[in-house]
């Protein structure tokens, strides 16, 4: 597992042994970052269900202003801190060991870019999307990047969130959602993100 590009390009990141985390594969990561590449510079990023922290670290490597990492596992939180020190030691980053839904209910921060990659079949993806809409922590035109099984229907998000594109990579789907407030033109807001390429399928 490595950082794809940016200031930390090629840096190897550590993983937890066993099945405690399910890191995003390089192929999927390359596709999803191709889709959001123009939305990262200067962004405030939330890596929820952070695991190894590789998605938030990739954003920091590409010029994100700050990243917050949240994971309920003490081992995962410690690993994220270790990977941050190894890859982007000077970046602005905060690591929170917390239940993801509790964090969303408590935080008063707002973000431009939010990654959701919870354990599959846990019900946490739908719950997190509902919480994000209810607690209003996504900035206008902000983006949610959600990873889920390609065979499972993506949960319909509540207002003001709208589903953009879904890209499929074998058994994995990556779906982009954007905040669309009343009166915003969907086409001008770029709800259809840039083509991810790398075998991604627009559905």
N, C-alpha and C. Protein backbone atom coordinates (compact mmCIF):
# COMPACT_ATOMS: atom_id res chain seq x y z
N UNK A 1 0.85 -1.18 0.00
CA UNK A 1 0.00 0.00 0.00
C UNK A 1 0.89 1.24 0.00
N UNK A 2 0.62 2.14 -0.94
CA UNK A 2 1.52 3.28 -1.13
C UNK A 2 0.72 4.54 -1.41
N UNK A 3 1.38 5.69 -1.24
CA UNK A 3 0.81 6.97 -1.64
C UNK A 3 1.03 7.11 -3.15
N UNK A 4 -0.02 7.48 -3.88
CA UNK A 4 0.05 7.47 -5.34
C UNK A 4 0.85 8.64 -5.88
N UNK A 5 0.54 9.84 -5.41
CA UNK A 5 1.21 11.01 -5.98
C UNK A 5 1.24 12.15 -4.97
N UNK A 6 1.89 13.24 -5.36
CA UNK A 6 2.01 14.38 -4.47
C UNK A 6 3.33 14.38 -3.72
N UNK A 7 3.38 15.12 -2.64
CA UNK A 7 4.63 15.29 -1.89
C UNK A 7 5.14 14.00 -1.27
N UNK A 8 4.24 13.06 -1.01
CA UNK A 8 4.64 11.78 -0.39
C UNK A 8 4.57 10.62 -1.39
N UNK A 9 4.64 10.94 -2.66
CA UNK A 9 4.52 9.92 -3.70
C UNK A 9 5.46 8.75 -3.45
N UNK A 10 4.88 7.54 -3.54
CA UNK A 10 5.67 6.32 -3.40
C UNK A 10 5.90 5.87 -1.97
N UNK A 11 5.54 6.68 -0.98
CA UNK A 11 5.74 6.27 0.41
C UNK A 11 4.87 5.07 0.74
N UNK A 12 5.47 4.10 1.37
CA UNK A 12 4.73 2.91 1.80
C UNK A 12 4.05 3.18 3.14
N UNK A 13 2.82 2.69 3.26
CA UNK A 13 2.06 2.83 4.49
C UNK A 13 1.84 1.46 5.11
N UNK A 14 1.88 1.43 6.42
CA UNK A 14 1.70 0.17 7.13
C UNK A 14 0.22 -0.19 7.22
N UNK A 15 -0.04 -1.50 7.31
CA UNK A 15 -1.39 -2.02 7.50
C UNK A 15 -1.45 -2.81 8.80
N UNK A 16 -2.66 -2.94 9.34
CA UNK A 16 -2.83 -3.80 10.50
C UNK A 16 -2.84 -5.25 10.06
N UNK A 17 -2.20 -6.14 10.79
CA UNK A 17 -2.23 -7.56 10.43
C UNK A 17 -3.63 -8.12 10.61
N UNK A 18 -3.92 -9.17 9.88
CA UNK A 18 -5.22 -9.82 10.00
C UNK A 18 -6.29 -9.08 9.22
N UNK A 19 -7.53 -9.18 9.69
CA UNK A 19 -8.67 -8.62 8.98
C UNK A 19 -9.29 -7.44 9.72
N UNK A 20 -8.50 -6.78 10.57
CA UNK A 20 -9.04 -5.66 11.34
C UNK A 20 -9.40 -4.48 10.45
N UNK A 21 -8.68 -4.31 9.35
CA UNK A 21 -9.00 -3.25 8.40
C UNK A 21 -9.06 -3.84 7.00
N UNK A 22 -9.71 -3.12 6.09
CA UNK A 22 -9.84 -3.55 4.70
C UNK A 22 -9.38 -2.40 3.82
N UNK A 23 -8.06 -2.27 3.63
CA UNK A 23 -7.54 -1.12 2.90
C UNK A 23 -8.06 -1.07 1.47
N UNK A 24 -8.33 0.14 0.99
CA UNK A 24 -8.72 0.34 -0.40
C UNK A 24 -7.56 -0.06 -1.30
N UNK A 25 -7.85 -0.87 -2.31
CA UNK A 25 -6.79 -1.33 -3.20
C UNK A 25 -6.24 -0.18 -4.03
N UNK A 26 -5.02 -0.34 -4.54
CA UNK A 26 -4.41 0.71 -5.35
C UNK A 26 -5.25 1.03 -6.58
N UNK A 27 -5.84 0.00 -7.19
CA UNK A 27 -6.63 0.22 -8.40
C UNK A 27 -7.85 1.10 -8.09
N UNK A 28 -8.55 0.78 -7.01
CA UNK A 28 -9.72 1.56 -6.64
C UNK A 28 -9.30 2.97 -6.23
N UNK A 29 -8.21 3.08 -5.48
CA UNK A 29 -7.74 4.38 -5.02
C UNK A 29 -7.35 5.27 -6.21
N UNK A 30 -6.68 4.70 -7.19
CA UNK A 30 -6.30 5.48 -8.36
C UNK A 30 -7.53 6.00 -9.09
N UNK A 31 -8.57 5.16 -9.18
CA UNK A 31 -9.79 5.57 -9.85
C UNK A 31 -10.52 6.67 -9.12
N UNK A 32 -10.68 6.51 -7.82
CA UNK A 32 -11.46 7.52 -7.08
C UNK A 32 -10.72 8.85 -7.01
N UNK A 33 -9.38 8.81 -6.91
CA UNK A 33 -8.66 10.08 -6.86
C UNK A 33 -8.59 10.75 -8.23
N UNK A 34 -8.71 9.97 -9.28
CA UNK A 34 -8.83 10.57 -10.61
C UNK A 34 -10.14 11.35 -10.72
N UNK A 35 -11.19 10.84 -10.08
CA UNK A 35 -12.50 11.48 -10.14
C UNK A 35 -12.56 12.78 -9.35
N UNK A 36 -11.80 12.89 -8.27
CA UNK A 36 -11.90 14.08 -7.40
C UNK A 36 -10.63 14.92 -7.40
N UNK A 37 -9.74 14.68 -8.35
CA UNK A 37 -8.41 15.29 -8.30
C UNK A 37 -8.43 16.82 -8.26
N UNK A 38 -9.47 17.43 -8.84
CA UNK A 38 -9.53 18.89 -8.87
C UNK A 38 -10.23 19.49 -7.65
N UNK A 39 -10.64 18.64 -6.72
CA UNK A 39 -11.36 19.10 -5.54
C UNK A 39 -10.54 18.96 -4.25
N UNK A 40 -9.28 18.60 -4.35
CA UNK A 40 -8.49 18.28 -3.17
C UNK A 40 -7.68 19.46 -2.65
N UNK A 41 -7.03 20.19 -3.52
CA UNK A 41 -6.12 21.26 -3.09
C UNK A 41 -6.84 22.26 -2.19
N UNK A 42 -6.30 22.47 -0.99
CA UNK A 42 -6.86 23.43 -0.05
C UNK A 42 -8.07 22.94 0.72
N UNK A 43 -8.48 21.68 0.50
CA UNK A 43 -9.70 21.16 1.12
C UNK A 43 -9.48 20.76 2.57
N UNK A 44 -10.55 20.83 3.36
CA UNK A 44 -10.59 20.23 4.69
C UNK A 44 -11.24 18.86 4.53
N UNK A 45 -10.54 17.82 4.96
CA UNK A 45 -10.90 16.44 4.66
C UNK A 45 -11.25 15.69 5.94
N UNK A 46 -12.29 14.87 5.87
CA UNK A 46 -12.64 13.96 6.95
C UNK A 46 -12.52 12.53 6.44
N UNK A 47 -11.65 11.75 7.05
CA UNK A 47 -11.49 10.33 6.73
C UNK A 47 -12.16 9.54 7.84
N UNK A 48 -13.46 9.28 7.67
CA UNK A 48 -14.23 8.55 8.66
C UNK A 48 -13.99 7.05 8.45
N UNK A 49 -14.07 6.26 9.53
CA UNK A 49 -13.71 4.84 9.44
C UNK A 49 -12.31 4.73 8.83
N UNK A 50 -11.36 5.45 9.39
CA UNK A 50 -10.09 5.72 8.72
C UNK A 50 -9.24 4.49 8.44
N UNK A 51 -9.28 3.48 9.32
CA UNK A 51 -8.46 2.30 9.10
C UNK A 51 -6.98 2.62 9.13
N UNK A 52 -6.31 2.54 7.99
CA UNK A 52 -4.89 2.87 7.90
C UNK A 52 -4.65 4.36 7.71
N UNK A 53 -5.70 5.11 7.36
CA UNK A 53 -5.56 6.54 7.08
C UNK A 53 -5.11 6.86 5.68
N UNK A 54 -5.07 5.85 4.80
CA UNK A 54 -4.45 6.08 3.50
C UNK A 54 -5.21 7.10 2.63
N UNK A 55 -6.53 7.19 2.76
CA UNK A 55 -7.27 8.12 1.90
C UNK A 55 -7.02 9.57 2.31
N UNK A 56 -7.07 9.83 3.61
CA UNK A 56 -6.75 11.17 4.07
C UNK A 56 -5.31 11.55 3.83
N UNK A 57 -4.40 10.60 3.99
CA UNK A 57 -2.98 10.86 3.74
C UNK A 57 -2.75 11.17 2.26
N UNK A 58 -3.43 10.46 1.38
CA UNK A 58 -3.32 10.75 -0.05
C UNK A 58 -3.75 12.18 -0.33
N UNK A 59 -4.82 12.63 0.33
CA UNK A 59 -5.28 14.01 0.15
C UNK A 59 -4.24 15.00 0.65
N UNK A 60 -3.65 14.75 1.80
CA UNK A 60 -2.62 15.65 2.33
C UNK A 60 -1.42 15.70 1.39
N UNK A 61 -1.06 14.57 0.83
CA UNK A 61 0.05 14.53 -0.12
C UNK A 61 -0.25 15.37 -1.36
N UNK A 62 -1.55 15.48 -1.70
CA UNK A 62 -1.97 16.21 -2.90
C UNK A 62 -2.35 17.67 -2.62
N UNK A 63 -2.09 18.14 -1.41
CA UNK A 63 -2.29 19.55 -1.14
C UNK A 63 -3.52 19.93 -0.35
N UNK A 64 -4.20 18.96 0.28
CA UNK A 64 -5.31 19.30 1.16
C UNK A 64 -4.80 20.15 2.32
N UNK A 65 -5.63 21.06 2.80
CA UNK A 65 -5.20 21.96 3.88
C UNK A 65 -5.12 21.24 5.21
N UNK A 66 -6.02 20.31 5.45
CA UNK A 66 -6.08 19.65 6.76
C UNK A 66 -6.90 18.37 6.61
N UNK A 67 -6.60 17.39 7.44
CA UNK A 67 -7.37 16.15 7.44
C UNK A 67 -7.63 15.70 8.87
N UNK A 68 -8.86 15.24 9.11
CA UNK A 68 -9.25 14.66 10.39
C UNK A 68 -9.53 13.19 10.15
N UNK A 69 -8.93 12.34 10.97
CA UNK A 69 -9.06 10.89 10.85
C UNK A 69 -9.83 10.36 12.06
N UNK A 70 -10.84 9.53 11.81
CA UNK A 70 -11.66 9.01 12.90
C UNK A 70 -11.76 7.50 12.76
N UNK A 71 -11.44 6.79 13.84
CA UNK A 71 -11.62 5.35 13.87
C UNK A 71 -11.86 4.93 15.32
N UNK A 72 -12.74 3.94 15.50
CA UNK A 72 -13.08 3.50 16.85
C UNK A 72 -12.02 2.60 17.46
N UNK A 73 -11.15 2.04 16.63
CA UNK A 73 -10.14 1.09 17.10
C UNK A 73 -8.89 1.81 17.60
N UNK A 74 -8.45 1.52 18.83
CA UNK A 74 -7.19 2.11 19.31
C UNK A 74 -6.00 1.73 18.43
N UNK A 75 -5.99 0.49 17.94
CA UNK A 75 -4.88 0.04 17.08
C UNK A 75 -4.88 0.82 15.76
N UNK A 76 -6.07 1.03 15.20
CA UNK A 76 -6.15 1.77 13.94
C UNK A 76 -5.73 3.21 14.14
N UNK A 77 -6.19 3.85 15.21
CA UNK A 77 -5.80 5.24 15.47
C UNK A 77 -4.29 5.37 15.63
N UNK A 78 -3.68 4.42 16.32
CA UNK A 78 -2.22 4.44 16.49
C UNK A 78 -1.52 4.25 15.15
N UNK A 79 -2.08 3.38 14.31
CA UNK A 79 -1.48 3.13 13.00
C UNK A 79 -1.58 4.37 12.11
N UNK A 80 -2.72 5.07 12.16
CA UNK A 80 -2.87 6.30 11.38
C UNK A 80 -1.80 7.30 11.78
N UNK A 81 -1.58 7.45 13.08
CA UNK A 81 -0.54 8.40 13.55
C UNK A 81 0.84 7.99 13.04
N UNK A 82 1.11 6.69 13.04
CA UNK A 82 2.40 6.20 12.55
C UNK A 82 2.55 6.48 11.06
N UNK A 83 1.49 6.22 10.28
CA UNK A 83 1.55 6.45 8.84
C UNK A 83 1.67 7.94 8.52
N UNK A 84 1.02 8.79 9.31
CA UNK A 84 1.17 10.23 9.12
C UNK A 84 2.61 10.67 9.34
N UNK A 85 3.22 10.18 10.40
CA UNK A 85 4.62 10.55 10.68
C UNK A 85 5.54 10.09 9.56
N UNK A 86 5.25 8.94 8.98
CA UNK A 86 6.12 8.39 7.94
C UNK A 86 5.93 9.09 6.60
N UNK A 87 4.70 9.51 6.29
CA UNK A 87 4.41 10.01 4.95
C UNK A 87 4.33 11.53 4.87
N UNK A 88 3.61 12.15 5.79
CA UNK A 88 3.38 13.60 5.72
C UNK A 88 3.56 14.22 7.11
N UNK A 89 4.76 14.16 7.65
CA UNK A 89 4.98 14.58 9.04
C UNK A 89 4.66 16.04 9.32
N UNK A 90 4.71 16.90 8.30
CA UNK A 90 4.48 18.32 8.51
C UNK A 90 3.05 18.75 8.20
N UNK A 91 2.21 17.82 7.84
CA UNK A 91 0.84 18.16 7.44
C UNK A 91 -0.02 18.45 8.67
N UNK A 92 -1.09 19.23 8.45
CA UNK A 92 -2.05 19.50 9.51
C UNK A 92 -3.02 18.32 9.56
N UNK A 93 -2.93 17.55 10.63
CA UNK A 93 -3.75 16.34 10.75
C UNK A 93 -4.15 16.13 12.19
N UNK A 94 -5.36 15.64 12.38
CA UNK A 94 -5.89 15.32 13.70
C UNK A 94 -6.43 13.90 13.65
N UNK A 95 -6.08 13.09 14.64
CA UNK A 95 -6.57 11.72 14.72
C UNK A 95 -7.46 11.59 15.95
N UNK A 96 -8.69 11.12 15.72
CA UNK A 96 -9.65 10.93 16.81
C UNK A 96 -9.99 9.45 16.94
N UNK A 97 -9.78 8.90 18.13
CA UNK A 97 -10.27 7.56 18.39
C UNK A 97 -11.69 7.71 18.92
N UNK A 98 -12.66 7.40 18.08
CA UNK A 98 -14.06 7.64 18.42
C UNK A 98 -14.96 6.80 17.54
N UNK A 99 -16.12 6.48 18.06
CA UNK A 99 -17.18 5.91 17.22
C UNK A 99 -17.54 6.95 16.16
N UNK A 100 -17.68 6.51 14.92
CA UNK A 100 -17.91 7.45 13.82
C UNK A 100 -19.19 8.24 13.98
N UNK A 101 -20.28 7.58 14.35
CA UNK A 101 -21.55 8.29 14.48
C UNK A 101 -21.54 9.25 15.66
N UNK A 102 -20.87 8.87 16.74
CA UNK A 102 -20.73 9.78 17.87
C UNK A 102 -19.95 11.03 17.46
N UNK A 103 -18.88 10.82 16.68
CA UNK A 103 -18.09 11.96 16.21
C UNK A 103 -18.96 12.91 15.39
N UNK A 104 -19.75 12.36 14.47
CA UNK A 104 -20.58 13.20 13.62
C UNK A 104 -21.60 13.99 14.45
N UNK A 105 -22.11 13.39 15.51
CA UNK A 105 -23.09 14.06 16.35
C UNK A 105 -22.48 15.18 17.18
N UNK A 106 -21.18 15.06 17.50
CA UNK A 106 -20.54 16.02 18.40
C UNK A 106 -19.80 17.14 17.68
N UNK A 107 -19.26 16.83 16.51
CA UNK A 107 -18.36 17.79 15.89
C UNK A 107 -19.09 19.06 15.44
N UNK A 108 -18.40 20.18 15.51
CA UNK A 108 -18.92 21.44 14.98
C UNK A 108 -18.09 21.88 13.77
N UNK A 109 -17.22 21.01 13.31
CA UNK A 109 -16.38 21.32 12.14
C UNK A 109 -17.16 21.07 10.86
N UNK A 110 -16.70 21.68 9.79
CA UNK A 110 -17.30 21.45 8.47
C UNK A 110 -16.19 21.09 7.49
N UNK A 111 -16.54 20.27 6.52
CA UNK A 111 -15.53 19.68 5.63
C UNK A 111 -15.93 19.84 4.17
N UNK A 112 -14.89 19.89 3.32
CA UNK A 112 -15.10 19.95 1.87
C UNK A 112 -15.19 18.56 1.26
N UNK A 113 -14.54 17.60 1.88
CA UNK A 113 -14.41 16.26 1.31
C UNK A 113 -14.47 15.24 2.43
N UNK A 114 -15.37 14.27 2.31
CA UNK A 114 -15.57 13.26 3.36
C UNK A 114 -15.50 11.87 2.73
N UNK A 115 -14.65 11.02 3.30
CA UNK A 115 -14.53 9.63 2.85
C UNK A 115 -15.28 8.71 3.80
N UNK A 116 -16.09 7.81 3.22
CA UNK A 116 -16.83 6.82 3.99
C UNK A 116 -16.47 5.43 3.47
N UNK A 117 -15.84 4.63 4.30
CA UNK A 117 -15.52 3.26 3.92
C UNK A 117 -15.71 2.36 5.14
N UNK A 118 -16.97 2.24 5.60
CA UNK A 118 -17.23 1.43 6.80
C UNK A 118 -17.20 -0.05 6.48
N UNK A 119 -17.18 -0.90 7.50
CA UNK A 119 -17.27 -2.34 7.25
C UNK A 119 -18.54 -2.67 6.46
N UNK A 120 -18.39 -3.51 5.46
CA UNK A 120 -19.54 -3.88 4.64
C UNK A 120 -20.57 -4.62 5.51
N UNK A 121 -21.85 -4.50 5.15
CA UNK A 121 -22.96 -5.20 5.81
C UNK A 121 -23.14 -4.78 7.27
N UNK A 122 -22.56 -3.63 7.64
CA UNK A 122 -22.69 -3.17 9.02
C UNK A 122 -23.85 -2.19 9.20
N UNK A 123 -24.38 -1.67 8.08
CA UNK A 123 -25.41 -0.65 8.16
C UNK A 123 -24.87 0.74 8.44
N UNK A 124 -23.56 0.86 8.61
CA UNK A 124 -22.97 2.13 9.00
C UNK A 124 -22.92 3.14 7.85
N UNK A 125 -22.88 2.66 6.61
CA UNK A 125 -22.83 3.60 5.48
C UNK A 125 -24.11 4.44 5.44
N UNK A 126 -25.26 3.79 5.47
CA UNK A 126 -26.53 4.52 5.44
C UNK A 126 -26.68 5.42 6.66
N UNK A 127 -26.28 4.90 7.83
CA UNK A 127 -26.39 5.70 9.05
C UNK A 127 -25.49 6.94 8.99
N UNK A 128 -24.28 6.76 8.45
CA UNK A 128 -23.35 7.90 8.36
C UNK A 128 -23.87 8.95 7.39
N UNK A 129 -24.42 8.52 6.25
CA UNK A 129 -24.94 9.48 5.28
C UNK A 129 -26.11 10.28 5.87
N UNK A 130 -26.99 9.60 6.60
CA UNK A 130 -28.10 10.30 7.25
C UNK A 130 -27.58 11.30 8.28
N UNK A 131 -26.56 10.90 9.04
CA UNK A 131 -26.00 11.79 10.05
C UNK A 131 -25.33 13.00 9.41
N UNK A 132 -24.64 12.78 8.30
CA UNK A 132 -23.97 13.89 7.63
C UNK A 132 -24.97 14.94 7.15
N UNK A 133 -26.12 14.47 6.66
CA UNK A 133 -27.16 15.41 6.24
C UNK A 133 -27.80 16.10 7.44
N UNK A 134 -28.05 15.34 8.51
CA UNK A 134 -28.75 15.89 9.67
C UNK A 134 -27.91 16.91 10.42
N UNK A 135 -26.60 16.64 10.54
CA UNK A 135 -25.74 17.51 11.34
C UNK A 135 -25.04 18.59 10.51
N UNK A 136 -25.24 18.55 9.19
CA UNK A 136 -24.84 19.65 8.31
C UNK A 136 -23.36 20.00 8.45
N UNK A 137 -22.49 19.01 8.28
CA UNK A 137 -21.05 19.28 8.40
C UNK A 137 -20.34 19.28 7.05
N UNK A 138 -21.09 19.05 5.96
CA UNK A 138 -20.49 19.12 4.63
C UNK A 138 -20.71 20.51 4.07
N UNK A 139 -19.63 21.14 3.64
CA UNK A 139 -19.73 22.50 3.10
C UNK A 139 -20.50 22.51 1.78
N UNK A 140 -21.05 23.66 1.38
CA UNK A 140 -21.71 23.76 0.08
C UNK A 140 -20.81 23.26 -1.05
N UNK A 141 -21.37 22.44 -1.90
CA UNK A 141 -20.67 21.79 -3.02
C UNK A 141 -19.61 20.80 -2.54
N UNK A 142 -19.62 20.49 -1.24
CA UNK A 142 -18.71 19.47 -0.74
C UNK A 142 -19.05 18.10 -1.28
N UNK A 143 -18.10 17.18 -1.18
CA UNK A 143 -18.24 15.85 -1.79
C UNK A 143 -18.07 14.76 -0.74
N UNK A 144 -18.94 13.75 -0.81
CA UNK A 144 -18.78 12.51 -0.05
C UNK A 144 -18.32 11.44 -1.02
N UNK A 145 -17.27 10.72 -0.66
CA UNK A 145 -16.79 9.60 -1.45
C UNK A 145 -17.03 8.34 -0.64
N UNK A 146 -17.92 7.47 -1.12
CA UNK A 146 -18.34 6.30 -0.35
C UNK A 146 -17.98 5.02 -1.08
N UNK A 147 -17.35 4.09 -0.36
CA UNK A 147 -17.02 2.78 -0.91
C UNK A 147 -17.99 1.75 -0.37
N UNK A 148 -18.48 0.87 -1.24
CA UNK A 148 -19.47 -0.13 -0.83
C UNK A 148 -19.40 -1.32 -1.77
N UNK A 149 -20.08 -2.43 -1.44
CA UNK A 149 -20.11 -3.57 -2.36
C UNK A 149 -20.86 -3.20 -3.65
N UNK A 150 -20.32 -3.62 -4.77
CA UNK A 150 -20.93 -3.27 -6.05
C UNK A 150 -22.31 -3.91 -6.22
N UNK A 151 -22.58 -5.00 -5.50
CA UNK A 151 -23.85 -5.69 -5.65
C UNK A 151 -24.96 -5.10 -4.79
N UNK A 152 -24.61 -4.21 -3.87
CA UNK A 152 -25.61 -3.65 -2.95
C UNK A 152 -26.10 -2.30 -3.46
N UNK A 153 -27.40 -2.03 -3.37
CA UNK A 153 -27.90 -0.71 -3.79
C UNK A 153 -27.37 0.37 -2.87
N UNK A 154 -27.03 1.51 -3.45
CA UNK A 154 -26.53 2.61 -2.66
C UNK A 154 -27.69 3.31 -1.97
N UNK A 155 -27.58 3.57 -0.65
CA UNK A 155 -28.69 4.20 0.06
C UNK A 155 -28.97 5.61 -0.46
N UNK A 156 -30.24 5.90 -0.71
CA UNK A 156 -30.61 7.23 -1.20
C UNK A 156 -30.34 8.26 -0.11
N UNK A 157 -29.53 9.27 -0.40
CA UNK A 157 -29.21 10.26 0.64
C UNK A 157 -30.33 11.28 0.81
N UNK A 158 -30.52 11.78 2.02
CA UNK A 158 -31.52 12.84 2.23
C UNK A 158 -31.00 14.18 1.74
N UNK A 159 -31.92 15.13 1.58
CA UNK A 159 -31.51 16.50 1.23
C UNK A 159 -30.58 17.05 2.30
N UNK A 160 -29.58 17.84 1.92
CA UNK A 160 -29.34 18.44 0.60
C UNK A 160 -28.34 17.64 -0.24
N UNK A 161 -28.18 16.36 0.04
CA UNK A 161 -27.19 15.55 -0.68
C UNK A 161 -27.81 14.94 -1.94
N UNK A 162 -26.99 14.86 -2.98
CA UNK A 162 -27.41 14.25 -4.24
C UNK A 162 -26.34 13.27 -4.70
N UNK A 163 -26.79 12.13 -5.22
CA UNK A 163 -25.85 11.16 -5.76
C UNK A 163 -25.34 11.64 -7.11
N UNK A 164 -24.04 11.61 -7.31
CA UNK A 164 -23.44 11.95 -8.59
C UNK A 164 -23.20 10.70 -9.41
N UNK A 165 -21.97 10.24 -9.44
CA UNK A 165 -21.62 9.07 -10.24
C UNK A 165 -21.19 7.91 -9.36
N UNK A 166 -21.38 6.72 -9.88
CA UNK A 166 -20.88 5.51 -9.25
C UNK A 166 -19.90 4.84 -10.20
N UNK A 167 -18.74 4.46 -9.69
CA UNK A 167 -17.71 3.77 -10.47
C UNK A 167 -17.52 2.38 -9.89
N UNK A 168 -17.50 1.39 -10.74
CA UNK A 168 -17.38 0.00 -10.29
C UNK A 168 -16.02 -0.56 -10.66
N UNK A 169 -15.42 -1.25 -9.70
CA UNK A 169 -14.13 -1.89 -9.88
C UNK A 169 -14.26 -3.32 -9.36
N UNK A 170 -14.69 -4.24 -10.24
CA UNK A 170 -14.93 -5.60 -9.79
C UNK A 170 -16.07 -5.64 -8.78
N UNK A 171 -15.79 -6.09 -7.57
CA UNK A 171 -16.81 -6.23 -6.54
C UNK A 171 -17.01 -4.96 -5.71
N UNK A 172 -16.26 -3.91 -6.04
CA UNK A 172 -16.29 -2.68 -5.24
C UNK A 172 -16.91 -1.54 -6.04
N UNK A 173 -17.75 -0.75 -5.39
CA UNK A 173 -18.32 0.45 -6.00
C UNK A 173 -17.87 1.67 -5.22
N UNK A 174 -17.57 2.74 -5.94
CA UNK A 174 -17.24 4.03 -5.34
C UNK A 174 -18.28 5.03 -5.83
N UNK A 175 -19.03 5.61 -4.91
CA UNK A 175 -20.11 6.54 -5.25
C UNK A 175 -19.77 7.93 -4.73
N UNK A 176 -19.99 8.93 -5.58
CA UNK A 176 -19.78 10.32 -5.21
C UNK A 176 -21.12 10.99 -4.94
N UNK A 177 -21.22 11.66 -3.80
CA UNK A 177 -22.39 12.47 -3.48
C UNK A 177 -21.93 13.90 -3.27
N UNK A 178 -22.75 14.85 -3.68
CA UNK A 178 -22.41 16.25 -3.51
C UNK A 178 -23.55 16.97 -2.80
N UNK A 179 -23.18 17.93 -1.96
CA UNK A 179 -24.20 18.76 -1.33
C UNK A 179 -24.75 19.74 -2.35
N UNK A 180 -26.06 19.73 -2.49
CA UNK A 180 -26.74 20.59 -3.46
C UNK A 180 -27.83 21.36 -2.75
N UNK A 181 -27.57 22.59 -2.37
CA UNK A 181 -28.57 23.40 -1.68
C UNK A 181 -29.62 23.90 -2.66
N UNK A 182 -30.75 24.31 -2.12
CA UNK A 182 -31.85 24.80 -2.94
C UNK A 182 -31.38 25.95 -3.82
N UNK A 183 -31.77 25.90 -5.10
CA UNK A 183 -31.42 26.97 -6.02
C UNK A 183 -30.10 26.76 -6.73
N UNK A 184 -29.37 25.69 -6.37
CA UNK A 184 -28.09 25.41 -7.03
C UNK A 184 -28.34 24.60 -8.28
N UNK A 185 -27.76 25.02 -9.38
CA UNK A 185 -27.89 24.28 -10.63
C UNK A 185 -26.97 23.07 -10.61
N UNK A 186 -27.53 21.87 -10.79
CA UNK A 186 -26.74 20.64 -10.66
C UNK A 186 -25.61 20.58 -11.66
N UNK A 187 -25.88 21.00 -12.91
CA UNK A 187 -24.83 20.92 -13.91
C UNK A 187 -23.68 21.87 -13.59
N UNK A 188 -24.02 23.11 -13.19
CA UNK A 188 -22.97 24.08 -12.88
C UNK A 188 -22.18 23.69 -11.64
N UNK A 189 -22.83 22.98 -10.71
CA UNK A 189 -22.15 22.57 -9.48
C UNK A 189 -21.27 21.35 -9.70
N UNK A 190 -21.34 20.76 -10.89
CA UNK A 190 -20.46 19.63 -11.18
C UNK A 190 -20.86 18.36 -10.46
N UNK A 191 -22.18 18.09 -10.40
CA UNK A 191 -22.62 16.89 -9.69
C UNK A 191 -22.12 15.63 -10.39
N UNK A 192 -21.93 15.70 -11.71
CA UNK A 192 -21.28 14.60 -12.41
C UNK A 192 -19.79 14.88 -12.42
N UNK A 193 -19.07 14.17 -11.56
CA UNK A 193 -17.64 14.43 -11.39
C UNK A 193 -16.87 13.98 -12.61
N UNK A 194 -15.58 14.34 -12.63
CA UNK A 194 -14.72 13.94 -13.75
C UNK A 194 -14.67 12.43 -13.86
N UNK A 195 -14.56 11.95 -15.09
CA UNK A 195 -14.50 10.52 -15.34
C UNK A 195 -13.33 9.91 -14.60
N UNK A 196 -13.59 8.86 -13.83
CA UNK A 196 -12.52 8.26 -13.02
C UNK A 196 -11.56 7.46 -13.87
N UNK A 197 -12.01 6.91 -14.97
CA UNK A 197 -11.11 6.09 -15.78
C UNK A 197 -10.72 4.83 -15.05
N UNK A 198 -9.59 4.24 -15.43
CA UNK A 198 -9.06 3.03 -14.78
C UNK A 198 -10.11 1.94 -14.69
N UNK A 199 -10.96 1.81 -15.70
CA UNK A 199 -11.93 0.73 -15.70
C UNK A 199 -13.20 1.06 -14.96
N UNK A 200 -13.34 2.28 -14.43
CA UNK A 200 -14.55 2.64 -13.73
C UNK A 200 -15.72 2.69 -14.66
N UNK A 201 -16.92 2.32 -14.18
CA UNK A 201 -18.12 2.33 -15.00
C UNK A 201 -19.07 3.38 -14.46
N UNK A 202 -19.50 4.28 -15.31
CA UNK A 202 -20.45 5.30 -14.91
C UNK A 202 -21.84 4.72 -14.99
N UNK A 203 -22.58 4.71 -13.85
CA UNK A 203 -23.92 4.14 -13.85
C UNK A 203 -24.93 5.16 -13.35
